[in-house]
Amino acid sequence: MSAKIKRMRIPGYLAIAVLLLLAVTACKKEEPRSGSSAGQTMNQSSNESVFEEVLRKVKENPNDAEAIYHLADLYDRSGQYPQAVDTYKKVIALKPDMGYAYFKMGTGYSRLNQPAEAVKALKKATDLMPDNAVAFNNLGVAYGKLDKLNEEIASLKKAIRIRPAYSSARYNLGVSYLKAGNRKAATGEYEALKKFDESTADALIKEIERVH
């Protein structure tokens, strides 16, 4: 399997970005399959060989935006967020209109607890990708960390307009309404969630019931 990976040509940045977006949207971390330790070692070895291959491509051609994006993705997936952010910056320097690079950079800044920088990157992402509900949701969360409640609510509402059945955005918007003292609007988000995601609706109603 690792041999196939080595011979495989790195896909276009857009294809990679779409796969990343689907992973983020699902909000689930893939669990490793049960198996022998030898299998786990092989997977780790494969990941290391891919990383080395991408690093080699970047060194050979420092202007290869697709390879650099792939490298940033590998940093991100391994939890090396400072390196990921710095590498996404290099992608943007080569492709300043690549919305997914801003999106992933903003997410990295959020994980590093740098909401002001996250807002800048995610706002640019939403400018370039005005139909990306996840980017608007993440932007709203980043605004919330800066206590910019009006911007937080506005961004989350945009996320829901794009994707009405977006559970995370509706939950976040409900909590934002509670922060704004608008329990009626928060209850409206709960009623909407009940129609397609009972577990998230239950989580939101608990937050609503805490407010007296």
Protein backbone atom coordinates (compact mmCIF):
# COMPACT_ATOMS: atom_id res chain seq x y z
CA MET A 1 0.00 0.00 0.00
CA SER A 2 2.83 2.40 0.83
CA ALA A 3 4.38 1.74 -2.59
CA LYS A 4 1.20 2.94 -4.28
CA ILE A 5 1.25 6.06 -2.21
CA LYS A 6 4.79 6.84 -3.25
CA ARG A 7 4.02 6.47 -6.94
CA MET A 8 0.75 8.36 -6.70
CA ARG A 9 0.82 11.86 -8.04
CA ILE A 10 -0.33 14.54 -5.56
CA PRO A 11 -3.89 15.54 -6.49
CA GLY A 12 -4.90 19.07 -7.34
CA TYR A 13 -5.32 21.42 -4.40
CA LEU A 14 -9.03 21.78 -5.00
CA ALA A 15 -9.65 18.06 -4.78
CA ILE A 16 -7.65 17.87 -1.54
CA ALA A 17 -9.50 20.85 -0.12
CA VAL A 18 -12.91 19.34 -0.87
CA LEU A 19 -11.93 16.16 0.97
CA LEU A 20 -10.75 18.24 3.93
CA LEU A 21 -14.00 20.17 3.98
CA LEU A 22 -16.01 16.97 4.04
CA ALA A 23 -13.93 15.74 6.97
CA VAL A 24 -14.49 18.96 8.91
CA THR A 25 -18.20 18.97 8.14
CA ALA A 26 -18.62 15.44 9.46
CA CYS A 27 -17.15 16.56 12.82
CA LYS A 28 -15.89 13.03 13.46
CA LYS A 29 -12.38 11.76 13.94
CA GLU A 30 -11.77 8.53 12.11
CA GLU A 31 -10.86 5.79 14.55
CA PRO A 32 -8.11 3.32 13.62
CA ARG A 33 -9.33 -0.17 12.82
CA SER A 34 -8.55 -2.89 15.30
CA GLY A 35 -5.72 -5.11 14.19
CA SER A 36 -2.19 -6.21 14.85
CA SER A 37 0.55 -3.89 15.98
CA ALA A 38 2.35 -4.75 12.73
CA GLY A 39 -0.51 -3.18 10.77
CA GLN A 40 -0.37 -0.07 12.90
CA THR A 41 3.38 0.16 12.37
CA MET A 42 2.87 -0.12 8.61
CA ASN A 43 0.35 2.74 8.66
CA GLN A 44 2.75 4.93 10.65
CA SER A 45 5.55 4.08 8.23
CA SER A 46 3.31 4.94 5.29
CA ASN A 47 2.44 8.31 6.80
CA GLU A 48 6.11 9.06 7.39
CA SER A 49 7.00 8.10 3.82
CA VAL A 50 4.26 10.37 2.45
CA PHE A 51 5.55 13.25 4.59
CA GLU A 52 9.10 12.68 3.36
CA GLU A 53 7.90 12.49 -0.24
CA VAL A 54 5.98 15.78 0.03
CA LEU A 55 8.93 17.49 1.74
CA ARG A 56 11.15 16.33 -1.09
CA LYS A 57 8.76 17.77 -3.69
CA VAL A 58 8.62 21.10 -1.87
CA LYS A 59 12.42 21.30 -1.65
CA GLU A 60 12.72 20.49 -5.34
CA ASN A 61 10.16 23.13 -6.29
CA PRO A 62 9.49 25.79 -3.61
CA ASN A 63 6.82 27.30 -5.90
CA ASP A 64 4.71 24.14 -6.12
CA ALA A 65 1.56 25.39 -4.35
CA GLU A 66 -0.16 22.01 -4.52
CA ALA A 67 2.74 20.25 -2.78
CA ILE A 68 2.99 23.01 -0.18
CA TYR A 69 -0.75 22.75 0.49
CA HIS A 70 -0.37 18.99 0.94
CA LEU A 71 2.50 19.61 3.37
CA ALA A 72 0.36 22.06 5.36
CA ASP A 73 -2.39 19.46 5.49
CA LEU A 74 0.03 16.88 6.87
CA TYR A 75 1.17 19.31 9.58
CA ASP A 76 -2.46 20.05 10.40
CA ARG A 77 -3.46 16.40 10.62
CA SER A 78 -0.53 15.65 12.93
CA GLY A 79 -1.49 18.51 15.28
CA GLN A 80 1.50 20.69 14.39
CA TYR A 81 -0.64 23.81 14.07
CA PRO A 82 2.09 26.50 14.14
CA GLN A 83 3.86 24.75 11.27
CA ALA A 84 0.55 24.26 9.47
CA VAL A 85 -0.34 27.96 9.73
CA ASP A 86 3.07 29.05 8.48
CA THR A 87 2.83 26.63 5.56
CA TYR A 88 -0.67 27.78 4.59
CA LYS A 89 0.79 31.31 4.47
CA LYS A 90 3.27 30.09 1.85
CA VAL A 91 0.40 28.64 -0.18
CA ILE A 92 -1.45 31.95 -0.04
CA ALA A 93 1.65 33.83 -1.13
CA LEU A 94 1.62 31.72 -4.30
CA LYS A 95 -2.18 31.53 -4.70
CA PRO A 96 -3.77 34.55 -2.99
CA ASP A 97 -7.24 33.60 -4.21
CA MET A 98 -7.24 30.10 -2.69
CA GLY A 99 -10.11 30.26 -0.22
CA TYR A 100 -9.48 26.85 1.31
CA ALA A 101 -5.97 27.85 2.36
CA TYR A 102 -7.42 30.84 4.27
CA PHE A 103 -10.09 28.56 5.73
CA LYS A 104 -7.58 26.01 7.00
CA MET A 105 -5.24 28.74 8.24
CA GLY A 106 -8.10 30.32 10.19
CA THR A 107 -8.95 26.97 11.72
CA GLY A 108 -5.32 26.56 12.72
CA TYR A 109 -5.29 29.97 14.39
CA SER A 110 -8.44 29.00 16.31
CA ARG A 111 -6.74 25.86 17.58
CA LEU A 112 -3.81 28.00 18.66
CA ASN A 113 -6.26 30.25 20.55
CA GLN A 114 -5.52 33.26 18.37
CA PRO A 115 -9.08 34.39 17.55
CA ALA A 116 -8.12 37.78 16.11
CA GLU A 117 -5.90 36.14 13.51
CA ALA A 118 -8.55 33.46 12.96
CA VAL A 119 -11.14 36.13 12.18
CA LYS A 120 -8.87 37.75 9.59
CA ALA A 121 -8.21 34.48 7.81
CA LEU A 122 -11.78 33.19 7.99
CA LYS A 123 -13.25 36.49 6.84
CA LYS A 124 -11.04 36.29 3.76
CA ALA A 125 -12.15 32.68 3.29
CA THR A 126 -15.82 33.69 3.34
CA ASP A 127 -15.11 36.50 0.87
CA LEU A 128 -13.60 33.98 -1.52
CA MET A 129 -16.10 31.20 -0.73
CA PRO A 130 -19.43 32.91 0.03
CA ASP A 131 -21.31 29.59 -0.07
CA ASN A 132 -19.13 27.81 2.50
CA ALA A 133 -21.29 27.28 5.58
CA VAL A 134 -18.46 25.80 7.66
CA ALA A 135 -16.29 28.86 7.13
CA PHE A 136 -19.10 31.15 8.32
CA ASN A 137 -19.72 28.93 11.35
CA ASN A 138 -16.04 28.97 12.30
CA LEU A 139 -15.93 32.72 11.74
CA GLY A 140 -18.86 33.13 14.12
CA VAL A 141 -17.10 31.06 16.78
CA ALA A 142 -13.95 33.14 16.39
CA TYR A 143 -15.95 36.36 16.74
CA GLY A 144 -17.47 34.92 19.91
CA LYS A 145 -14.03 34.46 21.44
CA LEU A 146 -13.46 38.16 20.86
CA ASP A 147 -16.82 39.04 22.48
CA LYS A 148 -18.08 40.52 19.21
CA LEU A 149 -21.61 39.28 19.68
CA ASN A 150 -23.29 41.05 16.77
CA GLU A 151 -20.71 39.76 14.29
CA GLU A 152 -20.91 36.31 15.88
CA ILE A 153 -24.67 36.10 15.39
CA ALA A 154 -24.53 37.52 11.87
CA SER A 155 -21.92 34.97 10.76
CA LEU A 156 -23.81 32.03 12.26
CA LYS A 157 -27.04 33.17 10.62
CA LYS A 158 -25.26 33.21 7.26
CA ALA A 159 -24.06 29.66 7.87
CA ILE A 160 -27.63 28.54 8.47
CA ARG A 161 -28.98 30.37 5.43
CA ILE A 162 -26.48 28.44 3.34
CA ARG A 163 -27.19 25.11 5.07
CA PRO A 164 -30.45 25.12 7.08
CA ALA A 165 -29.80 21.66 8.57
CA TYR A 166 -26.33 22.55 9.88
CA SER A 167 -26.54 21.27 13.45
CA SER A 168 -23.38 22.86 14.84
CA ALA A 169 -24.24 26.29 13.47
CA ARG A 170 -27.78 26.16 14.86
CA TYR A 171 -26.51 25.09 18.26
CA ASN A 172 -23.88 27.82 18.25
CA LEU A 173 -26.45 30.39 17.17
CA GLY A 174 -28.78 29.29 19.96
CA VAL A 175 -26.02 29.76 22.52
CA SER A 176 -25.17 33.15 20.98
CA TYR A 177 -28.80 34.24 21.31
CA LEU A 178 -28.68 33.26 24.98
CA LYS A 179 -25.59 35.43 25.45
CA ALA A 180 -27.55 38.26 23.87
CA GLY A 181 -30.46 37.66 26.30
CA ASN A 182 -32.79 36.48 23.54
CA ARG A 183 -34.19 33.26 24.95
CA LYS A 184 -37.07 33.23 22.48
CA ALA A 185 -34.72 33.18 19.50
CA ALA A 186 -32.60 30.47 21.16
CA THR A 187 -35.73 28.37 21.65
CA GLY A 188 -36.48 28.84 17.96
CA GLU A 189 -33.13 27.23 17.12
CA TYR A 190 -33.99 24.38 19.49
CA GLU A 191 -37.32 23.81 17.72
CA ALA A 192 -35.54 23.77 14.36
CA LEU A 193 -32.91 21.31 15.60
CA LYS A 194 -35.56 18.90 16.90
CA LYS A 195 -36.65 18.25 13.33
CA PHE A 196 -33.36 16.73 12.21
CA ASP A 197 -30.92 16.34 15.15
CA GLU A 198 -32.47 15.42 18.48
CA SER A 199 -29.18 14.93 20.33
CA THR A 200 -27.94 18.42 19.46
CA ALA A 201 -31.39 19.80 20.24
CA ASP A 202 -31.21 18.17 23.69
CA ALA A 203 -27.81 19.78 24.29
CA LEU A 204 -29.19 23.20 23.36
CA ILE A 205 -32.31 22.92 25.52
CA LYS A 206 -30.08 22.17 28.51
CA GLU A 207 -28.27 25.44 27.88
CA ILE A 208 -31.60 27.26 27.56
CA GLU A 209 -32.92 25.77 30.79
CA ARG A 210 -29.85 27.01 32.65
CA VAL A 211 -30.90 30.58 31.81
CA HIS A 212 -33.51 31.93 34.20
